């Protein structure tokens, strides 16, 4: 297995970013797993500008397949007093495959405080719990999962604890981006026993804390769709740390070829 740390450590610097190779063990069909692409893109964005404030939001477009050698570059779009907008692209021999706009913003004094509605009482699996990992030739082989089937009651809903098999030493924000898309699309459940191709089109991620942290690498992931028709599904995604504190929330548009 090639860990995310290994991919970053062996990257070759180029103007505006780096060049690296996406191993077959990180592929999702014929393209790189979206969380890996986002982690690589964020890593490049973080190096684009000195002293960036915390990541607050990411707007991602999965444009085309990415595999083999890729070039990951980042460009400053604008940096003001409080916020910085950084664009990151990933290009392979097949052309542009990924584009994201990352928004970094400092904490602001505010009289508005609304929280608590997303807190969960669910806790990570115990050390002796039997966990699931995918095959090593597929991107899920890089994760450990514990499925909460009884708690995910929706017709198109997933709820799982997840962690990277190799998570030590990663930047916390990079780790969040690498994990936040680890669930199958929620609409996958609607296919029953006749699977069909499914592909994420866009992804919006909003960070709910400037300093994400968890215990023993565990994060709780949720993906739920309440509407799927005409070959497209819209889903809401949430991520919590091991203490049940919400870390990120997002939405994704998914194409269904069935």
Protein backbone atom coordinates (compact mmCIF):
# COMPACT_ATOMS: atom_id res chain seq x y z
CA UNK A 1 0.00 0.00 0.00
CA UNK A 2 1.16 3.53 -0.79
CA UNK A 3 0.03 5.97 1.88
CA UNK A 4 -0.94 9.59 1.34
CA UNK A 5 2.20 10.55 3.25
CA UNK A 6 4.28 8.52 0.76
CA UNK A 7 2.64 10.22 -2.22
CA UNK A 8 3.39 13.67 -0.80
CA UNK A 9 6.92 12.74 0.31
CA UNK A 10 7.93 11.52 -3.16
CA UNK A 11 6.38 14.45 -5.04
CA UNK A 12 8.70 16.43 -7.31
CA UNK A 13 8.52 20.24 -7.06
CA UNK A 14 7.51 22.13 -10.20
CA UNK A 15 6.60 25.77 -10.79
CA UNK A 16 3.49 26.55 -8.77
CA UNK A 17 3.16 23.09 -7.23
CA UNK A 18 4.41 19.54 -7.64
CA UNK A 19 4.33 16.46 -9.82
CA UNK A 20 3.41 13.06 -8.40
CA UNK A 21 1.97 9.69 -9.35
CA UNK A 22 -1.42 8.38 -8.30
CA UNK A 23 -1.01 4.69 -7.43
CA UNK A 24 -3.54 2.12 -8.62
CA UNK A 25 -4.42 1.49 -4.97
CA UNK A 26 -5.94 5.00 -4.79
CA UNK A 27 -8.15 4.68 -7.87
CA UNK A 28 -11.94 4.74 -7.84
CA UNK A 29 -12.74 3.09 -11.14
CA UNK A 30 -10.64 4.80 -13.82
CA UNK A 31 -9.96 7.95 -11.82
CA UNK A 32 -8.34 8.95 -8.55
CA UNK A 33 -10.50 8.83 -5.43
CA UNK A 34 -11.92 12.34 -4.97
CA UNK A 35 -10.67 12.69 -1.40
CA UNK A 36 -7.10 11.96 -2.50
CA UNK A 37 -7.32 14.54 -5.31
CA UNK A 38 -8.68 17.09 -2.82
CA UNK A 39 -5.93 16.34 -0.29
CA UNK A 40 -3.25 16.80 -2.96
CA UNK A 41 -4.87 20.01 -4.19
CA UNK A 42 -5.11 21.42 -0.67
CA UNK A 43 -1.46 20.56 -0.01
CA UNK A 44 -0.49 22.60 -3.07
CA UNK A 45 -2.80 25.46 -2.08
CA UNK A 46 -1.31 25.64 1.41
CA UNK A 47 2.15 26.15 -0.11
CA UNK A 48 0.95 28.83 -2.53
CA UNK A 49 0.85 31.67 0.00
CA UNK A 50 2.76 32.23 3.26
CA UNK A 51 0.94 32.33 6.60
CA UNK A 52 -2.49 31.40 5.30
CA UNK A 53 -5.36 31.52 7.80
CA UNK A 54 -7.38 28.32 8.41
CA UNK A 55 -9.28 26.64 5.58
CA UNK A 56 -12.96 27.54 5.67
CA UNK A 57 -14.46 26.27 2.43
CA UNK A 58 -13.68 24.28 -0.71
CA UNK A 59 -15.57 24.31 -4.00
CA UNK A 60 -14.58 21.29 -6.06
CA UNK A 61 -15.28 20.20 -9.65
CA UNK A 62 -14.41 16.66 -10.72
CA UNK A 63 -13.84 17.43 -14.39
CA UNK A 64 -12.26 14.29 -15.82
CA UNK A 65 -10.35 11.11 -14.98
CA UNK A 66 -7.00 11.32 -13.21
CA UNK A 67 -4.53 8.44 -13.05
CA UNK A 68 -0.80 7.86 -13.29
CA UNK A 69 1.46 10.91 -13.29
CA UNK A 70 -0.29 14.20 -12.49
CA UNK A 71 0.70 17.83 -12.03
CA UNK A 72 -0.83 19.64 -9.06
CA UNK A 73 -0.58 23.45 -9.14
CA UNK A 74 -2.06 26.32 -7.16
CA UNK A 75 -2.63 30.00 -7.95
CA UNK A 76 -3.64 32.88 -5.74
CA UNK A 77 -6.86 34.44 -7.00
CA UNK A 78 -7.13 37.11 -4.34
CA UNK A 79 -5.92 37.79 -0.83
CA UNK A 80 -7.55 40.46 1.26
CA UNK A 81 -7.33 41.48 4.89
CA UNK A 82 -9.33 38.48 6.13
CA UNK A 83 -9.67 35.92 3.36
CA UNK A 84 -7.53 34.30 0.67
CA UNK A 85 -8.91 32.53 -2.40
CA UNK A 86 -6.58 29.92 -3.91
CA UNK A 87 -7.33 27.92 -7.06
CA UNK A 88 -5.81 24.45 -7.39
CA UNK A 89 -5.73 22.35 -10.57
CA UNK A 90 -4.74 18.75 -11.20
CA UNK A 91 -3.75 17.86 -14.75
CA UNK A 92 -2.81 14.50 -16.27
CA UNK A 93 -1.84 13.55 -19.82
CA UNK A 94 -5.59 13.41 -20.53
CA UNK A 95 -5.96 17.09 -19.58
CA UNK A 96 -7.52 19.00 -16.71
CA UNK A 97 -9.20 16.56 -14.35
CA UNK A 98 -9.80 18.55 -11.16
CA UNK A 99 -10.26 22.15 -10.13
CA UNK A 100 -10.92 23.55 -6.67
CA UNK A 101 -11.24 26.96 -5.11
CA UNK A 102 -10.08 26.95 -1.49
CA UNK A 103 -11.12 29.78 0.80
CA UNK A 104 -8.92 30.49 3.81
CA UNK A 105 -10.22 32.97 6.38
CA UNK A 106 -9.23 34.19 9.82
CA UNK A 107 -11.57 34.03 12.80
CA UNK A 108 -13.77 37.10 13.13
CA UNK A 109 -15.27 38.67 16.20
CA UNK A 110 -19.03 38.16 15.99
CA UNK A 111 -22.14 38.53 18.11
CA UNK A 112 -23.67 35.57 16.22
CA UNK A 113 -23.30 32.17 17.87
CA UNK A 114 -25.36 29.21 16.67
CA UNK A 115 -24.13 25.71 17.44
CA UNK A 116 -25.13 22.42 18.96
CA UNK A 117 -27.61 21.27 16.33
CA UNK A 118 -25.11 18.94 14.66
CA UNK A 119 -23.52 17.40 17.77
CA UNK A 120 -23.81 13.60 17.94
CA UNK A 121 -23.60 11.17 20.87
CA UNK A 122 -22.24 8.35 18.67
CA UNK A 123 -18.75 7.25 19.64
CA UNK A 124 -15.97 5.42 17.77
CA UNK A 125 -15.72 1.62 17.79
CA UNK A 126 -13.93 -0.03 20.71
CA UNK A 127 -10.38 -1.33 20.14
CA UNK A 128 -11.55 -4.96 19.83
CA UNK A 129 -14.33 -4.15 17.32
CA UNK A 130 -14.14 -5.95 13.98
CA UNK A 131 -13.47 -3.35 11.30
CA UNK A 132 -13.88 -3.39 7.52
CA UNK A 133 -11.32 -2.43 4.92
CA UNK A 134 -11.61 -2.58 1.17
CA UNK A 135 -9.39 -4.54 -1.22
CA UNK A 136 -5.85 -3.21 -1.53
CA UNK A 137 -6.24 -2.68 -5.29
CA UNK A 138 -9.09 -0.21 -4.65
CA UNK A 139 -8.98 3.14 -2.84
CA UNK A 140 -11.04 1.83 0.11
CA UNK A 141 -8.08 -0.38 1.04
CA UNK A 142 -6.48 2.77 2.48
CA UNK A 143 -9.20 3.07 5.14
CA UNK A 144 -10.66 1.25 8.12
CA UNK A 145 -14.47 1.44 8.45
CA UNK A 146 -17.15 0.60 10.99
CA UNK A 147 -20.65 0.68 9.51
CA UNK A 148 -23.57 2.03 11.59
CA UNK A 149 -26.37 0.35 9.68
CA UNK A 150 -28.97 0.62 12.42
CA UNK A 151 -28.47 4.38 12.77
CA UNK A 152 -28.57 5.09 9.00
CA UNK A 153 -32.30 4.63 8.49
CA UNK A 154 -32.78 6.66 5.32
CA UNK A 155 -33.51 4.98 2.00
CA UNK A 156 -30.34 6.54 0.60
CA UNK A 157 -28.12 7.13 3.63
CA UNK A 158 -24.68 6.00 4.84
CA UNK A 159 -23.22 6.45 8.33
CA UNK A 160 -19.78 5.06 9.07
CA UNK A 161 -16.78 5.60 11.30
CA UNK A 162 -13.66 5.86 9.16
CA UNK A 163 -9.97 6.43 9.54
CA UNK A 164 -6.93 6.28 7.29
CA UNK A 165 -4.82 3.18 7.81
CA UNK A 166 -1.83 5.55 7.92
CA UNK A 167 -2.91 8.82 9.52
CA UNK A 168 -0.02 9.93 11.74
CA UNK A 169 1.92 13.00 10.65
CA UNK A 170 -0.65 14.38 8.22
CA UNK A 171 -1.76 18.00 8.30
CA UNK A 172 -5.21 17.93 9.98
CA UNK A 173 -6.93 19.80 7.14
CA UNK A 174 -5.36 17.54 4.52
CA UNK A 175 -6.53 14.54 6.53
CA UNK A 176 -10.09 15.94 6.64
CA UNK A 177 -10.17 16.43 2.87
CA UNK A 178 -8.75 12.95 2.31
CA UNK A 179 -11.48 11.34 4.45
CA UNK A 180 -14.54 13.50 3.90
CA UNK A 181 -15.46 11.80 0.61
CA UNK A 182 -14.73 8.21 1.70
CA UNK A 183 -18.37 7.04 1.70
CA UNK A 184 -20.07 5.69 -1.43
CA UNK A 185 -22.58 8.13 -2.96
CA UNK A 186 -25.82 7.91 -0.99
CA UNK A 187 -27.79 7.10 -4.14
CA UNK A 188 -25.72 3.92 -4.53
CA UNK A 189 -28.10 2.30 -2.05
CA UNK A 190 -31.00 2.88 -4.45
CA UNK A 191 -29.43 0.63 -7.09
CA UNK A 192 -30.06 -2.51 -5.04
CA UNK A 193 -28.48 -5.65 -6.48
CA UNK A 194 -27.98 -4.20 -9.96
CA UNK A 195 -25.06 -1.76 -9.62
CA UNK A 196 -24.39 0.89 -12.23
CA UNK A 197 -21.72 3.56 -12.79
CA UNK A 198 -21.95 6.54 -10.43
CA UNK A 199 -19.73 9.62 -10.62
CA UNK A 200 -19.38 12.70 -8.40
CA UNK A 201 -19.63 15.95 -10.36
CA UNK A 202 -19.18 18.73 -7.81
CA UNK A 203 -18.47 18.94 -4.09
CA UNK A 204 -18.79 21.83 -1.66
CA UNK A 205 -17.16 21.46 1.76
CA UNK A 206 -17.52 23.97 4.59
CA UNK A 207 -15.19 23.62 7.57
CA UNK A 208 -16.93 24.20 10.90
CA UNK A 209 -13.76 24.65 12.95
CA UNK A 210 -10.43 26.33 12.22
CA UNK A 211 -8.50 23.50 13.91
CA UNK A 212 -9.91 20.01 13.28
CA UNK A 213 -8.69 17.28 15.61
CA UNK A 214 -9.80 13.82 16.67
CA UNK A 215 -8.69 10.78 18.68
CA UNK A 216 -6.95 7.72 17.20
CA UNK A 217 -7.67 8.96 13.67
CA UNK A 218 -11.44 8.29 13.86
CA UNK A 219 -13.98 10.46 12.02
CA UNK A 220 -17.73 9.85 11.68
CA UNK A 221 -19.01 10.31 8.12
CA UNK A 222 -22.59 10.76 6.92
CA UNK A 223 -23.99 10.98 3.39
CA UNK A 224 -27.71 11.29 2.73
CA UNK A 225 -29.79 11.92 -0.38
CA UNK A 226 -33.45 12.92 -0.31
CA UNK A 227 -33.74 13.47 -4.06
CA UNK A 228 -32.48 11.51 -7.06
CA UNK A 229 -34.01 11.74 -10.52
CA UNK A 230 -33.12 12.21 -14.20
CA UNK A 231 -29.71 10.66 -13.64
CA UNK A 232 -28.61 13.05 -10.91
CA UNK A 233 -28.63 12.93 -7.12
CA UNK A 234 -28.06 15.71 -4.59
CA UNK A 235 -26.65 14.67 -1.23
CA UNK A 236 -25.74 16.30 2.07
CA UNK A 237 -22.57 15.20 3.87
CA UNK A 238 -21.40 15.73 7.46
CA UNK A 239 -18.22 14.85 9.33
CA UNK A 240 -17.69 14.64 13.11
CA UNK A 241 -14.63 13.92 15.26
CA UNK A 242 -14.38 11.16 17.85
CA UNK A 243 -16.02 13.37 20.51
CA UNK A 244 -19.11 13.99 18.38
CA UNK A 245 -18.12 17.56 17.49
CA UNK A 246 -19.09 18.56 13.92
CA UNK A 247 -16.03 19.25 11.79
CA UNK A 248 -17.32 19.76 8.26
CA UNK A 249 -20.54 19.86 6.28
CA UNK A 250 -21.01 19.74 2.55
CA UNK A 251 -23.08 18.90 -0.49
CA UNK A 252 -22.37 16.89 -3.59
CA UNK A 253 -23.93 16.46 -7.01
CA UNK A 254 -23.71 12.87 -8.27
CA UNK A 255 -24.37 11.52 -11.76
CA UNK A 256 -26.14 8.13 -11.95
CA UNK A 257 -25.82 6.17 -15.18
CA UNK A 258 -28.81 3.88 -14.61
